[in-house]
Amino acid sequence: MFSALRKPTVRILQCNRRSVYGKVPQEKIGPVKSAFALFVFSVTLLGPAGWILHHIPEYRQRSSSSDNN
């Protein structure tokens, strides 16, 4: 009963594995480089969101003052 359900997944996994290529890294990445990359990535993603969240009161004042005019 369950063998019929498992067969298609085995074929799909075999096809996907064939298209994955990989090599041994040419140089090792140290913990400092990893931490720096993680820091830059997080600032890039969270920086604009933090800016917007910090300035929400200003945006609300602007929209309410333009509605009154």
PDB file of N, CA and C in Angstrom:
ATOM      1  N   MET A   1       0.820  -1.193   0.000  1.00  0.00           N
ATOM      2  CA  MET A   1       0.000   0.000   0.000  1.00  0.00           C
ATOM      3  C   MET A   1       0.866   1.260   0.000  1.00  0.00           C
ATOM      4  N   PHE A   2       1.845   1.315   0.895  1.00  0.00           N
ATOM      5  CA  PHE A   2       2.680   2.511   0.985  1.00  0.00           C
ATOM      6  C   PHE A   2       3.818   2.511  -0.029  1.00  0.00           C
ATOM      7  N   SER A   3       4.122   1.375  -0.617  1.00  0.00           N
ATOM      8  CA  SER A   3       5.207   1.325  -1.590  1.00  0.00           C
ATOM      9  C   SER A   3       4.866   2.150  -2.828  1.00  0.00           C
ATOM     10  N   ALA A   4       3.603   2.197  -3.188  1.00  0.00           N
ATOM     11  CA  ALA A   4       3.199   2.996  -4.348  1.00  0.00           C
ATOM     12  C   ALA A   4       3.367   4.482  -4.068  1.00  0.00           C
ATOM     13  N   LEU A   5       3.225   4.876  -2.822  1.00  0.00           N
ATOM     14  CA  LEU A   5       3.395   6.287  -2.473  1.00  0.00           C
ATOM     15  C   LEU A   5       4.863   6.674  -2.402  1.00  0.00           C
ATOM     16  N   ARG A   6       5.722   5.735  -2.074  1.00  0.00           N
ATOM     17  CA  ARG A   6       7.145   6.044  -1.924  1.00  0.00           C
ATOM     18  C   ARG A   6       7.895   6.069  -3.249  1.00  0.00           C
ATOM     19  N   LYS A   7       7.453   5.365  -4.240  1.00  0.00           N
ATOM     20  CA  LYS A   7       8.195   5.270  -5.492  1.00  0.00           C
ATOM     21  C   LYS A   7       8.388   6.617  -6.192  1.00  0.00           C
ATOM     22  N   PRO A   8       7.361   7.445  -6.339  1.00  0.00           N
ATOM     23  CA  PRO A   8       7.589   8.726  -7.020  1.00  0.00           C
ATOM     24  C   PRO A   8       8.590   9.617  -6.287  1.00  0.00           C
ATOM     25  N   THR A   9       8.591   9.598  -4.970  1.00  0.00           N
ATOM     26  CA  THR A   9       9.521  10.461  -4.237  1.00  0.00           C
ATOM     27  C   THR A   9      10.953  10.010  -4.444  1.00  0.00           C
ATOM     28  N   VAL A  10      11.185   8.719  -4.565  1.00  0.00           N
ATOM     29  CA  VAL A  10      12.539   8.225  -4.794  1.00  0.00           C
ATOM     30  C   VAL A  10      13.037   8.709  -6.143  1.00  0.00           C
ATOM     31  N   ARG A  11      12.189   8.633  -7.168  1.00  0.00           N
ATOM     32  CA  ARG A  11      12.595   9.111  -8.488  1.00  0.00           C
ATOM     33  C   ARG A  11      12.858  10.610  -8.484  1.00  0.00           C
ATOM     34  N   ILE A  12      12.036  11.363  -7.787  1.00  0.00           N
ATOM     35  CA  ILE A  12      12.220  12.816  -7.735  1.00  0.00           C
ATOM     36  C   ILE A  12      13.531  13.157  -7.038  1.00  0.00           C
ATOM     37  N   LEU A  13      13.823  12.477  -5.946  1.00  0.00           N
ATOM     38  CA  LEU A  13      15.067  12.747  -5.231  1.00  0.00           C
ATOM     39  C   LEU A  13      16.277  12.385  -6.072  1.00  0.00           C
ATOM     40  N   GLN A  14      16.204  11.316  -6.840  1.00  0.00           N
ATOM     41  CA  GLN A  14      17.331  10.929  -7.677  1.00  0.00           C
ATOM     42  C   GLN A  14      17.565  11.956  -8.769  1.00  0.00           C
ATOM     43  N   CYS A  15      16.522  12.491  -9.359  1.00  0.00           N
ATOM     44  CA  CYS A  15      16.678  13.498 -10.410  1.00  0.00           C
ATOM     45  C   CYS A  15      17.265  14.786  -9.845  1.00  0.00           C
ATOM     46  N   ASN A  16      16.817  15.204  -8.676  1.00  0.00           N
ATOM     47  CA  ASN A  16      17.326  16.428  -8.088  1.00  0.00           C
ATOM     48  C   ASN A  16      18.773  16.290  -7.652  1.00  0.00           C
ATOM     49  N   ARG A  17      19.169  15.121  -7.181  1.00  0.00           N
ATOM     50  CA  ARG A  17      20.544  14.933  -6.745  1.00  0.00           C
ATOM     51  C   ARG A  17      21.517  15.008  -7.911  1.00  0.00           C
ATOM     52  N   ARG A  18      21.106  14.597  -9.057  1.00  0.00           N
ATOM     53  CA  ARG A  18      21.995  14.618 -10.217  1.00  0.00           C
ATOM     54  C   ARG A  18      22.344  16.044 -10.629  1.00  0.00           C
ATOM     55  N   SER A  19      21.464  16.991 -10.393  1.00  0.00           N
ATOM     56  CA  SER A  19      21.714  18.352 -10.836  1.00  0.00           C
ATOM     57  C   SER A  19      22.466  19.188  -9.804  1.00  0.00           C
ATOM     58  N   VAL A  20      22.760  18.622  -8.634  1.00  0.00           N
ATOM     59  CA  VAL A  20      23.482  19.363  -7.607  1.00  0.00           C
ATOM     60  C   VAL A  20      24.975  19.104  -7.793  1.00  0.00           C
ATOM     61  N   TYR A  21      25.729  20.184  -7.940  1.00  0.00           N
ATOM     62  CA  TYR A  21      27.159  20.065  -8.122  1.00  0.00           C
ATOM     63  C   TYR A  21      27.851  20.699  -6.919  1.00  0.00           C
ATOM     64  N   GLY A  22      28.933  20.147  -6.505  1.00  0.00           N
ATOM     65  CA  GLY A  22      29.653  20.723  -5.384  1.00  0.00           C
ATOM     66  C   GLY A  22      31.120  20.353  -5.445  1.00  0.00           C
ATOM     67  N   LYS A  23      31.927  21.246  -4.917  1.00  0.00           N
ATOM     68  CA  LYS A  23      33.364  21.009  -4.841  1.00  0.00           C
ATOM     69  C   LYS A  23      33.823  21.328  -3.433  1.00  0.00           C
ATOM     70  N   VAL A  24      35.004  20.912  -3.140  1.00  0.00           N
ATOM     71  CA  VAL A  24      35.616  21.246  -1.862  1.00  0.00           C
ATOM     72  C   VAL A  24      35.950  22.730  -1.888  1.00  0.00           C
ATOM     73  N   PRO A  25      35.686  23.480  -0.796  1.00  0.00           N
ATOM     74  CA  PRO A  25      36.007  24.908  -0.804  1.00  0.00           C
ATOM     75  C   PRO A  25      37.499  25.146  -1.013  1.00  0.00           C
ATOM     76  N   GLN A  26      37.813  26.184  -1.777  1.00  0.00           N
ATOM     77  CA  GLN A  26      39.216  26.475  -2.058  1.00  0.00           C
ATOM     78  C   GLN A  26      39.911  27.106  -0.861  1.00  0.00           C
ATOM     79  N   GLU A  27      39.200  27.923  -0.093  1.00  0.00           N
ATOM     80  CA  GLU A  27      39.780  28.498   1.125  1.00  0.00           C
ATOM     81  C   GLU A  27      38.759  28.418   2.243  1.00  0.00           C
ATOM     82  N   LYS A  28      39.244  28.247   3.450  1.00  0.00           N
ATOM     83  CA  LYS A  28      38.348  28.141   4.593  1.00  0.00           C
ATOM     84  C   LYS A  28      37.914  29.520   5.042  1.00  0.00           C
ATOM     85  N   ILE A  29      36.667  29.627   5.467  1.00  0.00           N
ATOM     86  CA  ILE A  29      36.136  30.883   5.980  1.00  0.00           C
ATOM     87  C   ILE A  29      36.167  30.794   7.495  1.00  0.00           C
ATOM     88  N   GLY A  30      36.849  31.735   8.114  1.00  0.00           N
ATOM     89  CA  GLY A  30      37.006  31.715   9.554  1.00  0.00           C
ATOM     90  C   GLY A  30      35.797  32.258  10.285  1.00  0.00           C
ATOM     91  N   PRO A  31      35.819  32.172  11.613  1.00  0.00           N
ATOM     92  CA  PRO A  31      34.685  32.658  12.390  1.00  0.00           C
ATOM     93  C   PRO A  31      34.508  34.171  12.320  1.00  0.00           C
ATOM     94  N   VAL A  32      35.594  34.916  12.160  1.00  0.00           N
ATOM     95  CA  VAL A  32      35.492  36.382  12.073  1.00  0.00           C
ATOM     96  C   VAL A  32      34.805  36.779  10.771  1.00  0.00           C
ATOM     97  N   LYS A  33      35.172  36.149   9.686  1.00  0.00           N
ATOM     98  CA  LYS A  33      34.522  36.441   8.404  1.00  0.00           C
ATOM     99  C   LYS A  33      33.047  36.052   8.442  1.00  0.00           C
ATOM    100  N   SER A  34      32.744  34.920   9.056  1.00  0.00           N
ATOM    101  CA  SER A  34      31.349  34.487   9.169  1.00  0.00           C
ATOM    102  C   SER A  34      30.536  35.462  10.008  1.00  0.00           C
ATOM    103  N   ALA A  35      31.107  35.906  11.135  1.00  0.00           N
ATOM    104  CA  ALA A  35      30.403  36.852  11.999  1.00  0.00           C
ATOM    105  C   ALA A  35      30.198  38.182  11.287  1.00  0.00           C
ATOM    106  N   PHE A  36      31.196  38.641  10.548  1.00  0.00           N
ATOM    107  CA  PHE A  36      31.073  39.897   9.810  1.00  0.00           C
ATOM    108  C   PHE A  36      29.992  39.794   8.737  1.00  0.00           C
ATOM    109  N   ALA A  37      29.985  38.689   8.013  1.00  0.00           N
ATOM    110  CA  ALA A  37      28.962  38.504   6.971  1.00  0.00           C
ATOM    111  C   ALA A  37      27.567  38.445   7.584  1.00  0.00           C
ATOM    112  N   LEU A  38      27.422  37.775   8.706  1.00  0.00           N
ATOM    113  CA  LEU A  38      26.131  37.700   9.388  1.00  0.00           C
ATOM    114  C   LEU A  38      25.692  39.073   9.875  1.00  0.00           C
ATOM    115  N   PHE A  39      26.643  39.870  10.399  1.00  0.00           N
ATOM    116  CA  PHE A  39      26.340  41.227  10.861  1.00  0.00           C
ATOM    117  C   PHE A  39      25.878  42.106   9.702  1.00  0.00           C
ATOM    118  N   VAL A  40      26.591  42.080   8.595  1.00  0.00           N
ATOM    119  CA  VAL A  40      26.230  42.901   7.430  1.00  0.00           C
ATOM    120  C   VAL A  40      24.869  42.483   6.884  1.00  0.00           C
ATOM    121  N   PHE A  41      24.628  41.196   6.826  1.00  0.00           N
ATOM    122  CA  PHE A  41      23.348  40.693   6.329  1.00  0.00           C
ATOM    123  C   PHE A  41      22.205  41.150   7.229  1.00  0.00           C
ATOM    124  N   SER A  42      22.388  41.051   8.545  1.00  0.00           N
ATOM    125  CA  SER A  42      21.314  41.447   9.455  1.00  0.00           C
ATOM    126  C   SER A  42      21.080  42.951   9.430  1.00  0.00           C
ATOM    127  N   VAL A  43      22.132  43.757   9.336  1.00  0.00           N
ATOM    128  CA  VAL A  43      21.956  45.209   9.262  1.00  0.00           C
ATOM    129  C   VAL A  43      21.262  45.593   7.963  1.00  0.00           C
ATOM    130  N   THR A  44      21.616  44.915   6.886  1.00  0.00           N
ATOM    131  CA  THR A  44      20.986  45.193   5.600  1.00  0.00           C
ATOM    132  C   THR A  44      19.487  44.909   5.635  1.00  0.00           C
ATOM    133  N   LEU A  45      19.098  43.841   6.316  1.00  0.00           N
ATOM    134  CA  LEU A  45      17.678  43.500   6.369  1.00  0.00           C
ATOM    135  C   LEU A  45      16.931  44.274   7.451  1.00  0.00           C
ATOM    136  N   LEU A  46      17.531  44.405   8.626  1.00  0.00           N
ATOM    137  CA  LEU A  46      16.822  44.995   9.757  1.00  0.00           C
ATOM    138  C   LEU A  46      16.973  46.509   9.847  1.00  0.00           C
ATOM    139  N   GLY A  47      17.966  47.070   9.209  1.00  0.00           N
ATOM    140  CA  GLY A  47      18.185  48.518   9.266  1.00  0.00           C
ATOM    141  C   GLY A  47      17.018  49.322   8.734  1.00  0.00           C
ATOM    142  N   PRO A  48      16.579  49.099   7.516  1.00  0.00           N
ATOM    143  CA  PRO A  48      15.432  49.859   6.998  1.00  0.00           C
ATOM    144  C   PRO A  48      14.149  49.646   7.801  1.00  0.00           C
ATOM    145  N   ALA A  49      13.930  48.427   8.259  1.00  0.00           N
ATOM    146  CA  ALA A  49      12.730  48.167   9.058  1.00  0.00           C
ATOM    147  C   ALA A  49      12.792  48.926  10.379  1.00  0.00           C
ATOM    148  N   GLY A  50      13.957  48.951  10.998  1.00  0.00           N
ATOM    149  CA  GLY A  50      14.125  49.699  12.243  1.00  0.00           C
ATOM    150  C   GLY A  50      13.936  51.188  12.037  1.00  0.00           C
ATOM    151  N   TRP A  51      14.437  51.700  10.930  1.00  0.00           N
ATOM    152  CA  TRP A  51      14.274  53.124  10.612  1.00  0.00           C
ATOM    153  C   TRP A  51      12.791  53.482  10.490  1.00  0.00           C
ATOM    154  N   ILE A  52      12.067  52.675   9.765  1.00  0.00           N
ATOM    155  CA  ILE A  52      10.639  52.937   9.572  1.00  0.00           C
ATOM    156  C   ILE A  52       9.886  52.853  10.895  1.00  0.00           C
ATOM    157  N   LEU A  53      10.170  51.811  11.689  1.00  0.00           N
ATOM    158  CA  LEU A  53       9.486  51.664  12.968  1.00  0.00           C
ATOM    159  C   LEU A  53       9.826  52.809  13.924  1.00  0.00           C
ATOM    160  N   HIS A  54      11.055  53.298  13.869  1.00  0.00           N
ATOM    161  CA  HIS A  54      11.452  54.403  14.736  1.00  0.00           C
ATOM    162  C   HIS A  54      10.750  55.705  14.361  1.00  0.00           C
ATOM    163  N   HIS A  55      10.477  55.894  13.083  1.00  0.00           N
ATOM    164  CA  HIS A  55       9.894  57.147  12.608  1.00  0.00           C
ATOM    165  C   HIS A  55       8.384  57.091  12.388  1.00  0.00           C
ATOM    166  N   ILE A  56       7.719  56.041  12.839  1.00  0.00           N
ATOM    167  CA  ILE A  56       6.257  55.937  12.676  1.00  0.00           C
ATOM    168  C   ILE A  56       5.532  57.130  13.297  1.00  0.00           C
ATOM    169  N   PRO A  57       5.893  57.618  14.502  1.00  0.00           N
ATOM    170  CA  PRO A  57       5.182  58.787  15.047  1.00  0.00           C
ATOM    171  C   PRO A  57       5.278  60.020  14.145  1.00  0.00           C
ATOM    172  N   GLU A  58       6.437  60.234  13.535  1.00  0.00           N
ATOM    173  CA  GLU A  58       6.586  61.370  12.616  1.00  0.00           C
ATOM    174  C   GLU A  58       5.689  61.197  11.387  1.00  0.00           C
ATOM    175  N   TYR A  59       5.633  59.978  10.862  1.00  0.00           N
ATOM    176  CA  TYR A  59       4.794  59.734   9.698  1.00  0.00           C
ATOM    177  C   TYR A  59       3.320  59.950  10.037  1.00  0.00           C
ATOM    178  N   ARG A  60       2.912  59.572  11.242  1.00  0.00           N
ATOM    179  CA  ARG A  60       1.526  59.766  11.656  1.00  0.00           C
ATOM    180  C   ARG A  60       1.205  61.244  11.801  1.00  0.00           C
ATOM    181  N   GLN A  61       2.161  62.027  12.336  1.00  0.00           N
ATOM    182  CA  GLN A  61       1.926  63.479  12.459  1.00  0.00           C
ATOM    183  C   GLN A  61       1.781  64.112  11.088  1.00  0.00           C
ATOM    184  N   ARG A  62       2.617  63.725  10.167  1.00  0.00           N
ATOM    185  CA  ARG A  62       2.537  64.286   8.822  1.00  0.00           C
ATOM    186  C   ARG A  62       1.203  63.952   8.165  1.00  0.00           C
ATOM    187  N   SER A  63       0.758  62.729   8.299  1.00  0.00           N
ATOM    188  CA  SER A  63      -0.496  62.337   7.643  1.00  0.00           C
ATOM    189  C   SER A  63      -1.687  62.993   8.296  1.00  0.00           C
ATOM    190  N   SER A  64      -1.654  63.162   9.625  1.00  0.00           N
ATOM    191  CA  SER A  64      -2.787  63.805  10.288  1.00  0.00           C
ATOM    192  C   SER A  64      -2.807  65.308  10.025  1.00  0.00           C
ATOM    193  N   SER A  65      -1.648  65.941   9.887  1.00  0.00           N
ATOM    194  CA  SER A  65      -1.637  67.377   9.594  1.00  0.00           C
ATOM    195  C   SER A  65      -2.043  67.640   8.154  1.00  0.00           C
ATOM    196  N   SER A  66      -1.734  66.738   7.235  1.00  0.00           N
ATOM    197  CA  SER A  66      -2.145  66.931   5.838  1.00  0.00           C
ATOM    198  C   SER A  66      -3.632  66.654   5.683  1.00  0.00           C
ATOM    199  N   ASP A  67      -4.223  65.810   6.542  1.00  0.00           N
ATOM    200  CA  ASP A  67      -5.648  65.556   6.487  1.00  0.00           C
ATOM    201  C   ASP A  67      -6.432  66.780   6.983  1.00  0.00           C
ATOM    202  N   ASN A  68      -5.874  67.531   7.924  1.00  0.00           N
ATOM    203  CA  ASN A  68      -6.557  68.711   8.466  1.00  0.00           C
ATOM    204  C   ASN A  68      -6.535  69.875   7.498  1.00  0.00           C
ATOM    205  N   ASN A  69      -5.590  69.929   6.587  1.00  0.00           N
ATOM    206  CA  ASN A  69      -5.486  71.065   5.651  1.00  0.00           C
ATOM    207  C   ASN A  69      -6.364  70.891   4.481  1.00  0.00           C
TER     208      ASN A  69
END
